[in-house]
Amino acid sequence: MSRFVRRVPEGDDRERLTCPDCGHIAYENPKVVVGSVVAEGDEILLCRRAIEPRSGFWTIPAGYMEMGETVEEGARREAWEEARVRIALDGVLAVYSIARIGQVQVIFRARFEKPGFEAGPESLEVRRFAWDDIPWEEIAFPSTRWALKAWRQGRTSDVALNPPEDPRGVRPLPGSAA
């Protein structure tokens, strides 16, 4: 079996992992993350992460899509896995590009479909927070901040994108290794 090498294939304009024997190209593409800002009244559901990266920090229920599921199915699955909550989706809130780690994030507006929630296997704790009580210094990722702020702005028809100060999603939060 051949080892793949990085080279620019004929007719292309960037390096790709290519088999030197047969020319097969192993494309490396961004991963899709799906999640939701789950709200009831003025409270938002947040999960304290039990896994790396950023274990111990707060985020919205979100994670990588699985093969064979839609973005909506993935967002509902992630809410169940992380917060044991059944949610109803009310539309796309935001689409973020996180170029530094090769992610595209699709974040939904959501509400509780059924009452009750608890920490799933990827969460240490799950809580609802009023806006003024959100632990901003303990938020796991820049895109979590962006999504919460987009929700607060009451976006219902237009989709939020990366903020002007970080259009390519390359700035990690201060003090984070991610």
N, C-alpha and C. Protein backbone atom coordinates (compact mmCIF):
# COMPACT_ATOMS: atom_id res chain seq x y z
N MET A 1 0.85 -1.17 0.00
CA MET A 1 0.00 0.00 0.00
C MET A 1 0.90 1.24 0.00
N SER A 2 0.56 2.17 -0.85
CA SER A 2 1.34 3.41 -0.97
C SER A 2 1.06 4.36 0.18
N ARG A 3 2.03 5.19 0.44
CA ARG A 3 1.85 6.28 1.39
C ARG A 3 1.44 7.50 0.59
N PHE A 4 0.48 8.23 1.11
CA PHE A 4 0.04 9.43 0.43
C PHE A 4 1.07 10.53 0.62
N VAL A 5 1.22 11.36 -0.40
CA VAL A 5 2.14 12.50 -0.35
C VAL A 5 1.36 13.77 -0.65
N ARG A 6 1.88 14.87 -0.17
CA ARG A 6 1.26 16.16 -0.46
C ARG A 6 1.86 16.71 -1.73
N ARG A 7 0.98 16.98 -2.69
CA ARG A 7 1.41 17.61 -3.93
C ARG A 7 0.22 18.29 -4.58
N VAL A 8 0.50 19.15 -5.56
CA VAL A 8 -0.57 19.81 -6.30
C VAL A 8 -0.91 18.92 -7.50
N PRO A 9 -2.10 18.31 -7.49
CA PRO A 9 -2.48 17.46 -8.63
C PRO A 9 -2.65 18.29 -9.90
N GLU A 10 -2.47 17.66 -11.02
CA GLU A 10 -2.65 18.33 -12.31
C GLU A 10 -4.05 18.91 -12.39
N GLY A 11 -4.14 20.17 -12.80
CA GLY A 11 -5.42 20.83 -12.93
C GLY A 11 -5.95 21.42 -11.63
N ASP A 12 -5.19 21.29 -10.56
CA ASP A 12 -5.62 21.83 -9.26
C ASP A 12 -4.75 23.03 -8.92
N ASP A 13 -5.09 23.71 -7.83
CA ASP A 13 -4.32 24.89 -7.45
C ASP A 13 -3.84 24.84 -6.00
N ARG A 14 -3.99 23.68 -5.35
CA ARG A 14 -3.52 23.56 -3.97
C ARG A 14 -3.04 22.15 -3.70
N GLU A 15 -2.20 22.05 -2.67
CA GLU A 15 -1.69 20.73 -2.29
C GLU A 15 -2.81 19.85 -1.78
N ARG A 16 -2.72 18.58 -2.15
CA ARG A 16 -3.68 17.58 -1.69
C ARG A 16 -2.91 16.32 -1.32
N LEU A 17 -3.48 15.51 -0.45
CA LEU A 17 -2.91 14.19 -0.17
C LEU A 17 -3.21 13.31 -1.38
N THR A 18 -2.16 12.82 -2.01
CA THR A 18 -2.31 12.09 -3.27
C THR A 18 -1.50 10.80 -3.22
N CYS A 19 -2.08 9.75 -3.78
CA CYS A 19 -1.36 8.49 -3.90
C CYS A 19 -0.40 8.59 -5.08
N PRO A 20 0.90 8.41 -4.84
CA PRO A 20 1.86 8.55 -5.94
C PRO A 20 1.75 7.41 -6.96
N ASP A 21 1.14 6.29 -6.59
CA ASP A 21 1.02 5.15 -7.51
C ASP A 21 -0.17 5.28 -8.45
N CYS A 22 -1.34 5.58 -7.89
CA CYS A 22 -2.55 5.58 -8.72
C CYS A 22 -3.13 6.97 -8.95
N GLY A 23 -2.67 7.98 -8.19
CA GLY A 23 -3.16 9.34 -8.35
C GLY A 23 -4.42 9.66 -7.57
N HIS A 24 -4.93 8.70 -6.78
CA HIS A 24 -6.13 8.96 -5.97
C HIS A 24 -5.87 10.15 -5.04
N ILE A 25 -6.85 11.03 -4.94
CA ILE A 25 -6.74 12.21 -4.08
C ILE A 25 -7.62 11.99 -2.85
N ALA A 26 -7.02 12.14 -1.68
CA ALA A 26 -7.75 12.04 -0.41
C ALA A 26 -8.07 13.47 0.02
N TYR A 27 -9.25 13.94 -0.36
CA TYR A 27 -9.63 15.32 -0.05
C TYR A 27 -9.81 15.50 1.44
N GLU A 28 -9.32 16.62 1.94
CA GLU A 28 -9.50 17.01 3.34
C GLU A 28 -10.44 18.21 3.32
N ASN A 29 -11.62 18.03 3.90
CA ASN A 29 -12.63 19.07 3.88
C ASN A 29 -13.05 19.43 5.29
N PRO A 30 -13.64 20.62 5.43
CA PRO A 30 -14.08 21.02 6.77
C PRO A 30 -15.10 20.06 7.36
N LYS A 31 -15.13 20.00 8.66
CA LYS A 31 -16.13 19.22 9.40
C LYS A 31 -17.31 20.14 9.69
N VAL A 32 -18.50 19.55 9.73
CA VAL A 32 -19.70 20.31 10.02
C VAL A 32 -20.10 20.06 11.48
N VAL A 33 -20.27 21.17 12.22
CA VAL A 33 -20.74 21.13 13.59
C VAL A 33 -22.17 21.66 13.59
N VAL A 34 -23.04 21.00 14.33
CA VAL A 34 -24.43 21.45 14.46
C VAL A 34 -24.75 21.63 15.92
N GLY A 35 -25.58 22.62 16.20
CA GLY A 35 -25.95 22.87 17.58
C GLY A 35 -27.13 23.80 17.66
N SER A 36 -27.48 24.17 18.88
CA SER A 36 -28.65 25.03 19.05
C SER A 36 -28.55 25.88 20.32
N VAL A 37 -29.14 27.06 20.21
CA VAL A 37 -29.37 27.89 21.38
C VAL A 37 -30.79 27.55 21.82
N VAL A 38 -30.88 26.80 22.90
CA VAL A 38 -32.17 26.34 23.42
C VAL A 38 -32.63 27.33 24.48
N ALA A 39 -33.78 27.95 24.23
CA ALA A 39 -34.24 29.00 25.13
C ALA A 39 -35.66 28.72 25.60
N GLU A 40 -35.92 29.18 26.81
CA GLU A 40 -37.27 29.22 27.35
C GLU A 40 -37.41 30.56 28.03
N GLY A 41 -38.28 31.39 27.49
CA GLY A 41 -38.39 32.76 27.99
C GLY A 41 -37.06 33.46 27.78
N ASP A 42 -36.53 34.02 28.86
CA ASP A 42 -35.24 34.71 28.75
C ASP A 42 -34.08 33.86 29.26
N GLU A 43 -34.31 32.55 29.42
CA GLU A 43 -33.24 31.66 29.90
C GLU A 43 -32.73 30.78 28.77
N ILE A 44 -31.42 30.52 28.83
CA ILE A 44 -30.73 29.73 27.81
C ILE A 44 -30.10 28.51 28.46
N LEU A 45 -30.21 27.38 27.79
CA LEU A 45 -29.62 26.13 28.27
C LEU A 45 -28.14 26.08 27.90
N LEU A 46 -27.28 25.87 28.88
CA LEU A 46 -25.85 25.70 28.64
C LEU A 46 -25.37 24.41 29.28
N CYS A 47 -24.34 23.84 28.69
CA CYS A 47 -23.76 22.58 29.16
C CYS A 47 -22.31 22.83 29.55
N ARG A 48 -21.92 22.36 30.73
CA ARG A 48 -20.50 22.43 31.14
C ARG A 48 -19.83 21.17 30.60
N ARG A 49 -18.83 21.36 29.76
CA ARG A 49 -18.20 20.25 29.04
C ARG A 49 -17.46 19.30 29.98
N ALA A 50 -17.64 18.00 29.72
CA ALA A 50 -16.93 16.96 30.47
C ALA A 50 -15.78 16.39 29.64
N ILE A 51 -15.62 16.89 28.42
CA ILE A 51 -14.61 16.36 27.51
C ILE A 51 -13.76 17.50 26.95
N GLU A 52 -12.59 17.14 26.47
CA GLU A 52 -11.75 18.11 25.78
C GLU A 52 -12.24 18.24 24.34
N PRO A 53 -12.03 19.36 23.72
CA PRO A 53 -11.33 20.51 24.27
C PRO A 53 -12.21 21.34 25.20
N ARG A 54 -11.56 22.06 26.08
CA ARG A 54 -12.19 23.01 26.98
C ARG A 54 -13.10 22.36 28.02
N SER A 55 -12.68 21.22 28.53
CA SER A 55 -13.43 20.56 29.60
C SER A 55 -13.61 21.52 30.77
N GLY A 56 -14.81 21.53 31.34
CA GLY A 56 -15.11 22.41 32.46
C GLY A 56 -15.68 23.75 32.07
N PHE A 57 -15.66 24.06 30.78
CA PHE A 57 -16.19 25.33 30.30
C PHE A 57 -17.60 25.13 29.74
N TRP A 58 -18.35 26.21 29.65
CA TRP A 58 -19.75 26.17 29.23
C TRP A 58 -19.90 26.38 27.73
N THR A 59 -20.88 25.69 27.16
CA THR A 59 -21.19 25.83 25.74
C THR A 59 -22.66 25.51 25.50
N ILE A 60 -23.11 25.76 24.29
CA ILE A 60 -24.44 25.32 23.89
C ILE A 60 -24.34 23.86 23.48
N PRO A 61 -25.45 23.12 23.48
CA PRO A 61 -25.37 21.74 23.00
C PRO A 61 -25.04 21.73 21.51
N ALA A 62 -23.90 21.15 21.17
CA ALA A 62 -23.44 21.15 19.78
C ALA A 62 -22.35 20.10 19.61
N GLY A 63 -22.16 19.68 18.38
CA GLY A 63 -21.09 18.73 18.09
C GLY A 63 -21.08 18.36 16.61
N TYR A 64 -20.21 17.44 16.26
CA TYR A 64 -20.04 17.05 14.86
C TYR A 64 -21.25 16.27 14.34
N MET A 65 -21.61 16.57 13.11
CA MET A 65 -22.64 15.79 12.43
C MET A 65 -22.13 14.38 12.21
N GLU A 66 -23.05 13.45 12.13
CA GLU A 66 -22.75 12.07 11.79
C GLU A 66 -23.16 11.82 10.34
N MET A 67 -22.51 10.86 9.71
CA MET A 67 -22.89 10.48 8.35
C MET A 67 -24.34 9.99 8.37
N GLY A 68 -25.08 10.35 7.35
CA GLY A 68 -26.44 9.86 7.21
C GLY A 68 -27.49 10.67 7.94
N GLU A 69 -27.11 11.78 8.57
CA GLU A 69 -28.12 12.60 9.24
C GLU A 69 -28.16 13.99 8.64
N THR A 70 -29.29 14.65 8.80
CA THR A 70 -29.44 16.03 8.36
C THR A 70 -28.90 16.95 9.45
N VAL A 71 -28.73 18.22 9.12
CA VAL A 71 -28.27 19.16 10.15
C VAL A 71 -29.28 19.26 11.28
N GLU A 72 -30.57 19.20 10.94
CA GLU A 72 -31.61 19.26 11.97
C GLU A 72 -31.54 18.03 12.88
N GLU A 73 -31.41 16.85 12.29
CA GLU A 73 -31.30 15.63 13.09
C GLU A 73 -30.07 15.68 13.99
N GLY A 74 -28.97 16.18 13.44
CA GLY A 74 -27.74 16.28 14.22
C GLY A 74 -27.88 17.22 15.40
N ALA A 75 -28.53 18.37 15.20
CA ALA A 75 -28.72 19.32 16.29
C ALA A 75 -29.59 18.72 17.40
N ARG A 76 -30.64 18.02 17.00
CA ARG A 76 -31.50 17.38 18.01
C ARG A 76 -30.74 16.27 18.74
N ARG A 77 -29.96 15.48 18.00
CA ARG A 77 -29.17 14.41 18.63
C ARG A 77 -28.18 14.98 19.63
N GLU A 78 -27.47 16.03 19.24
CA GLU A 78 -26.49 16.63 20.14
C GLU A 78 -27.15 17.16 21.41
N ALA A 79 -28.34 17.76 21.30
CA ALA A 79 -29.05 18.24 22.48
C ALA A 79 -29.38 17.06 23.40
N TRP A 80 -29.76 15.94 22.81
CA TRP A 80 -30.07 14.76 23.62
C TRP A 80 -28.80 14.20 24.26
N GLU A 81 -27.74 14.07 23.48
CA GLU A 81 -26.50 13.49 24.02
C GLU A 81 -25.91 14.32 25.15
N GLU A 82 -25.94 15.63 25.00
CA GLU A 82 -25.27 16.49 25.97
C GLU A 82 -26.17 16.93 27.12
N ALA A 83 -27.48 17.04 26.87
CA ALA A 83 -28.36 17.60 27.91
C ALA A 83 -29.61 16.76 28.15
N ARG A 84 -29.69 15.60 27.51
CA ARG A 84 -30.86 14.73 27.68
C ARG A 84 -32.16 15.53 27.56
N VAL A 85 -32.20 16.38 26.53
CA VAL A 85 -33.35 17.23 26.30
C VAL A 85 -33.88 17.02 24.89
N ARG A 86 -35.19 17.00 24.76
CA ARG A 86 -35.86 16.95 23.46
C ARG A 86 -36.20 18.38 23.07
N ILE A 87 -35.75 18.78 21.86
CA ILE A 87 -35.93 20.16 21.43
C ILE A 87 -36.71 20.24 20.13
N ALA A 88 -37.33 21.39 19.92
CA ALA A 88 -37.96 21.76 18.66
C ALA A 88 -37.12 22.87 18.06
N LEU A 89 -36.82 22.76 16.78
CA LEU A 89 -35.99 23.76 16.11
C LEU A 89 -36.89 24.81 15.46
N ASP A 90 -36.48 26.07 15.60
CA ASP A 90 -37.25 27.19 15.07
C ASP A 90 -36.53 27.92 13.95
N GLY A 91 -35.58 27.28 13.31
CA GLY A 91 -34.87 27.88 12.19
C GLY A 91 -33.40 28.08 12.47
N VAL A 92 -32.68 28.38 11.42
CA VAL A 92 -31.23 28.59 11.53
C VAL A 92 -30.97 29.97 12.13
N LEU A 93 -30.18 29.99 13.17
CA LEU A 93 -29.78 31.23 13.82
C LEU A 93 -28.50 31.78 13.19
N ALA A 94 -27.53 30.88 12.94
CA ALA A 94 -26.20 31.34 12.51
C ALA A 94 -25.48 30.25 11.74
N VAL A 95 -24.56 30.71 10.88
CA VAL A 95 -23.62 29.82 10.20
C VAL A 95 -22.25 30.46 10.38
N TYR A 96 -21.34 29.74 11.03
CA TYR A 96 -20.02 30.28 11.32
C TYR A 96 -18.95 29.46 10.61
N SER A 97 -17.93 30.16 10.14
CA SER A 97 -16.77 29.54 9.52
C SER A 97 -15.60 29.64 10.49
N ILE A 98 -15.06 28.51 10.88
CA ILE A 98 -13.93 28.49 11.81
C ILE A 98 -12.74 27.92 11.03
N ALA A 99 -12.12 28.78 10.23
CA ALA A 99 -11.10 28.35 9.28
C ALA A 99 -9.87 27.74 9.96
N ARG A 100 -9.52 28.24 11.15
CA ARG A 100 -8.29 27.76 11.79
C ARG A 100 -8.35 26.30 12.16
N ILE A 101 -9.56 25.75 12.32
CA ILE A 101 -9.69 24.33 12.66
C ILE A 101 -10.56 23.58 11.65
N GLY A 102 -10.86 24.20 10.52
CA GLY A 102 -11.60 23.53 9.46
C GLY A 102 -13.01 23.12 9.84
N GLN A 103 -13.78 24.05 10.41
CA GLN A 103 -15.16 23.75 10.78
C GLN A 103 -16.12 24.74 10.12
N VAL A 104 -17.31 24.24 9.84
CA VAL A 104 -18.46 25.07 9.50
C VAL A 104 -19.50 24.72 10.56
N GLN A 105 -20.03 25.73 11.22
CA GLN A 105 -20.99 25.50 12.29
C GLN A 105 -22.36 26.03 11.89
N VAL A 106 -23.37 25.18 12.00
CA VAL A 106 -24.76 25.55 11.73
C VAL A 106 -25.48 25.52 13.08
N ILE A 107 -25.92 26.70 13.52
CA ILE A 107 -26.53 26.83 14.84
C ILE A 107 -28.00 27.22 14.68
N PHE A 108 -28.87 26.50 15.36
CA PHE A 108 -30.32 26.71 15.29
C PHE A 108 -30.83 27.48 16.50
N ARG A 109 -31.97 28.15 16.31
CA ARG A 109 -32.79 28.63 17.42
C ARG A 109 -33.66 27.45 17.82
N ALA A 110 -33.79 27.18 19.11
CA ALA A 110 -34.56 26.02 19.56
C ALA A 110 -35.28 26.32 20.86
N ARG A 111 -36.26 25.47 21.14
CA ARG A 111 -37.01 25.56 22.40
C ARG A 111 -37.21 24.14 22.92
N PHE A 112 -37.59 24.05 24.18
CA PHE A 112 -37.85 22.74 24.79
C PHE A 112 -39.11 22.14 24.17
N GLU A 113 -38.98 20.93 23.65
CA GLU A 113 -40.16 20.23 23.14
C GLU A 113 -40.88 19.51 24.29
N LYS A 114 -40.10 19.01 25.20
CA LYS A 114 -40.61 18.35 26.40
C LYS A 114 -39.84 18.92 27.59
N PRO A 115 -40.47 19.02 28.75
CA PRO A 115 -39.75 19.56 29.92
C PRO A 115 -38.68 18.58 30.41
N GLY A 116 -37.73 19.14 31.10
CA GLY A 116 -36.70 18.33 31.73
C GLY A 116 -35.42 18.25 30.94
N PHE A 117 -34.32 18.20 31.68
CA PHE A 117 -32.99 18.02 31.10
C PHE A 117 -32.07 17.56 32.22
N GLU A 118 -30.96 16.96 31.83
CA GLU A 118 -29.93 16.54 32.78
C GLU A 118 -28.64 16.34 32.01
N ALA A 119 -27.56 16.28 32.71
CA ALA A 119 -26.26 16.12 32.07
C ALA A 119 -26.18 14.77 31.37
N GLY A 120 -25.78 14.81 30.11
CA GLY A 120 -25.50 13.59 29.36
C GLY A 120 -24.04 13.21 29.58
N PRO A 121 -23.56 12.18 28.88
CA PRO A 121 -22.20 11.68 29.11
C PRO A 121 -21.08 12.66 28.75
N GLU A 122 -21.37 13.68 27.93
CA GLU A 122 -20.34 14.64 27.54
C GLU A 122 -20.41 15.93 28.36
N SER A 123 -21.31 15.97 29.35
CA SER A 123 -21.50 17.18 30.16
C SER A 123 -21.32 16.88 31.64
N LEU A 124 -20.66 17.81 32.34
CA LEU A 124 -20.54 17.72 33.79
C LEU A 124 -21.80 18.22 34.47
N GLU A 125 -22.42 19.21 33.83
CA GLU A 125 -23.56 19.90 34.43
C GLU A 125 -24.33 20.57 33.30
N VAL A 126 -25.62 20.71 33.46
CA VAL A 126 -26.47 21.40 32.50
C VAL A 126 -27.38 22.33 33.29
N ARG A 127 -27.45 23.60 32.85
CA ARG A 127 -28.26 24.59 33.57
C ARG A 127 -28.89 25.57 32.60
N ARG A 128 -29.98 26.17 33.05
CA ARG A 128 -30.56 27.30 32.33
C ARG A 128 -30.06 28.57 32.99
N PHE A 129 -29.67 29.53 32.16
CA PHE A 129 -29.14 30.80 32.65
C PHE A 129 -29.96 31.96 32.12
N ALA A 130 -30.28 32.91 32.99
CA ALA A 130 -30.77 34.20 32.53
C ALA A 130 -29.59 34.92 31.90
N TRP A 131 -29.86 35.82 30.99
CA TRP A 131 -28.80 36.50 30.24
C TRP A 131 -27.74 37.10 31.16
N ASP A 132 -28.14 37.78 32.19
CA ASP A 132 -27.19 38.45 33.08
C ASP A 132 -26.41 37.48 33.95
N ASP A 133 -26.81 36.23 33.99
CA ASP A 133 -26.13 35.23 34.81
C ASP A 133 -25.22 34.29 34.02
N ILE A 134 -25.16 34.47 32.70
CA ILE A 134 -24.30 33.62 31.88
C ILE A 134 -22.85 33.80 32.34
N PRO A 135 -22.13 32.71 32.58
CA PRO A 135 -20.73 32.81 33.03
C PRO A 135 -19.78 33.11 31.84
N TRP A 136 -19.80 34.35 31.39
CA TRP A 136 -19.07 34.74 30.17
C TRP A 136 -17.59 34.40 30.22
N GLU A 137 -16.97 34.47 31.39
CA GLU A 137 -15.54 34.17 31.49
C GLU A 137 -15.26 32.67 31.41
N GLU A 138 -16.31 31.86 31.46
CA GLU A 138 -16.16 30.41 31.41
C GLU A 138 -16.78 29.82 30.14
N ILE A 139 -17.00 30.64 29.12
CA ILE A 139 -17.55 30.15 27.86
C ILE A 139 -16.43 29.46 27.08
N ALA A 140 -16.74 28.30 26.53
CA ALA A 140 -15.72 27.44 25.92
C ALA A 140 -15.15 27.97 24.61
N PHE A 141 -15.99 28.50 23.73
CA PHE A 141 -15.54 28.81 22.37
C PHE A 141 -16.04 30.17 21.91
N PRO A 142 -15.28 30.85 21.05
CA PRO A 142 -15.76 32.13 20.52
C PRO A 142 -17.12 32.00 19.84
N SER A 143 -17.34 30.93 19.10
CA SER A 143 -18.60 30.79 18.38
C SER A 143 -19.78 30.62 19.33
N THR A 144 -19.55 30.11 20.53
CA THR A 144 -20.63 30.05 21.53
C THR A 144 -21.04 31.47 21.91
N ARG A 145 -20.07 32.34 22.13
CA ARG A 145 -20.37 33.75 22.44
C ARG A 145 -21.15 34.38 21.29
N TRP A 146 -20.67 34.13 20.06
CA TRP A 146 -21.32 34.72 18.89
C TRP A 146 -22.78 34.27 18.81
N ALA A 147 -23.02 32.97 19.01
CA ALA A 147 -24.38 32.43 18.90
C ALA A 147 -25.28 33.01 19.98
N LEU A 148 -24.77 33.11 21.20
CA LEU A 148 -25.58 33.68 22.28
C LEU A 148 -25.94 35.13 21.97
N LYS A 149 -24.98 35.88 21.47
CA LYS A 149 -25.24 37.29 21.13
C LYS A 149 -26.22 37.41 19.97
N ALA A 150 -26.12 36.51 18.98
CA ALA A 150 -27.07 36.51 17.86
C ALA A 150 -28.48 36.22 18.37
N TRP A 151 -28.60 35.28 19.30
CA TRP A 151 -29.90 34.97 19.88
C TRP A 151 -30.45 36.19 20.62
N ARG A 152 -29.60 36.83 21.38
CA ARG A 152 -30.01 38.01 22.16
C ARG A 152 -30.50 39.14 21.25
N GLN A 153 -29.90 39.25 20.06
CA GLN A 153 -30.32 40.28 19.12
C GLN A 153 -31.68 39.98 18.51
N GLY A 154 -32.22 38.80 18.82
CA GLY A 154 -33.55 38.46 18.36
C GLY A 154 -33.64 38.11 16.90
N ARG A 155 -32.57 37.58 16.35
CA ARG A 155 -32.57 37.23 14.93
C ARG A 155 -33.64 36.18 14.65
N THR A 156 -34.51 36.50 13.69
CA THR A 156 -35.54 35.54 13.31
C THR A 156 -35.57 35.29 11.81
N SER A 157 -35.08 36.22 11.01
CA SER A 157 -35.15 36.02 9.56
C SER A 157 -33.77 35.98 8.90
N ASP A 158 -32.85 36.82 9.35
CA ASP A 158 -31.52 36.78 8.77
C ASP A 158 -30.63 35.88 9.60
N VAL A 159 -29.65 35.31 8.95
CA VAL A 159 -28.74 34.37 9.60
C VAL A 159 -27.47 35.11 10.00
N ALA A 160 -27.04 34.93 11.23
CA ALA A 160 -25.81 35.55 11.70
C ALA A 160 -24.60 34.86 11.07
N LEU A 161 -23.59 35.64 10.79
CA LEU A 161 -22.32 35.13 10.27
C LEU A 161 -21.21 35.55 11.22
N ASN A 162 -19.98 35.15 10.94
CA ASN A 162 -18.86 35.55 11.79
C ASN A 162 -18.88 37.06 11.99
N PRO A 163 -18.49 37.50 13.18
CA PRO A 163 -18.44 38.95 13.42
C PRO A 163 -17.31 39.60 12.61
N PRO A 164 -17.45 40.88 12.31
CA PRO A 164 -16.43 41.56 11.50
C PRO A 164 -15.01 41.47 12.07
N GLU A 165 -14.89 41.41 13.41
CA GLU A 165 -13.55 41.35 14.01
C GLU A 165 -12.89 39.98 13.86
N ASP A 166 -13.64 38.97 13.40
CA ASP A 166 -13.06 37.64 13.20
C ASP A 166 -13.77 36.93 12.04
N PRO A 167 -13.67 37.49 10.84
CA PRO A 167 -14.43 36.98 9.70
C PRO A 167 -14.07 35.56 9.26
N ARG A 168 -12.89 35.08 9.62
CA ARG A 168 -12.47 33.73 9.22
C ARG A 168 -12.43 32.77 10.41
N GLY A 169 -12.81 33.23 11.59
CA GLY A 169 -12.80 32.36 12.75
C GLY A 169 -11.43 31.87 13.13
N VAL A 170 -10.48 32.80 13.21
CA VAL A 170 -9.11 32.41 13.51
C VAL A 170 -8.65 32.83 14.90
N ARG A 171 -9.46 33.58 15.62
CA ARG A 171 -9.04 34.05 16.95
C ARG A 171 -9.63 33.19 18.05
N PRO A 172 -8.80 32.46 18.78
CA PRO A 172 -9.33 31.70 19.93
C PRO A 172 -9.62 32.66 21.08
N LEU A 173 -10.37 32.17 22.05
CA LEU A 173 -10.61 32.99 23.24
C LEU A 173 -9.30 33.19 23.99
N PRO A 174 -9.12 34.34 24.63
CA PRO A 174 -7.91 34.53 25.42
C PRO A 174 -7.77 33.44 26.48
N GLY A 175 -6.58 32.92 26.63
CA GLY A 175 -6.31 31.90 27.64
C GLY A 175 -6.72 30.49 27.25
N SER A 176 -7.19 30.31 26.00
CA SER A 176 -7.58 28.95 25.58
C SER A 176 -6.51 28.37 24.69
N ALA A 177 -6.35 27.07 24.78
CA ALA A 177 -5.40 26.38 23.92
C ALA A 177 -6.03 26.05 22.59
N ALA A 178 -7.36 26.11 22.52
CA ALA A 178 -8.08 25.75 21.28
C ALA A 178 -8.00 26.87 20.27
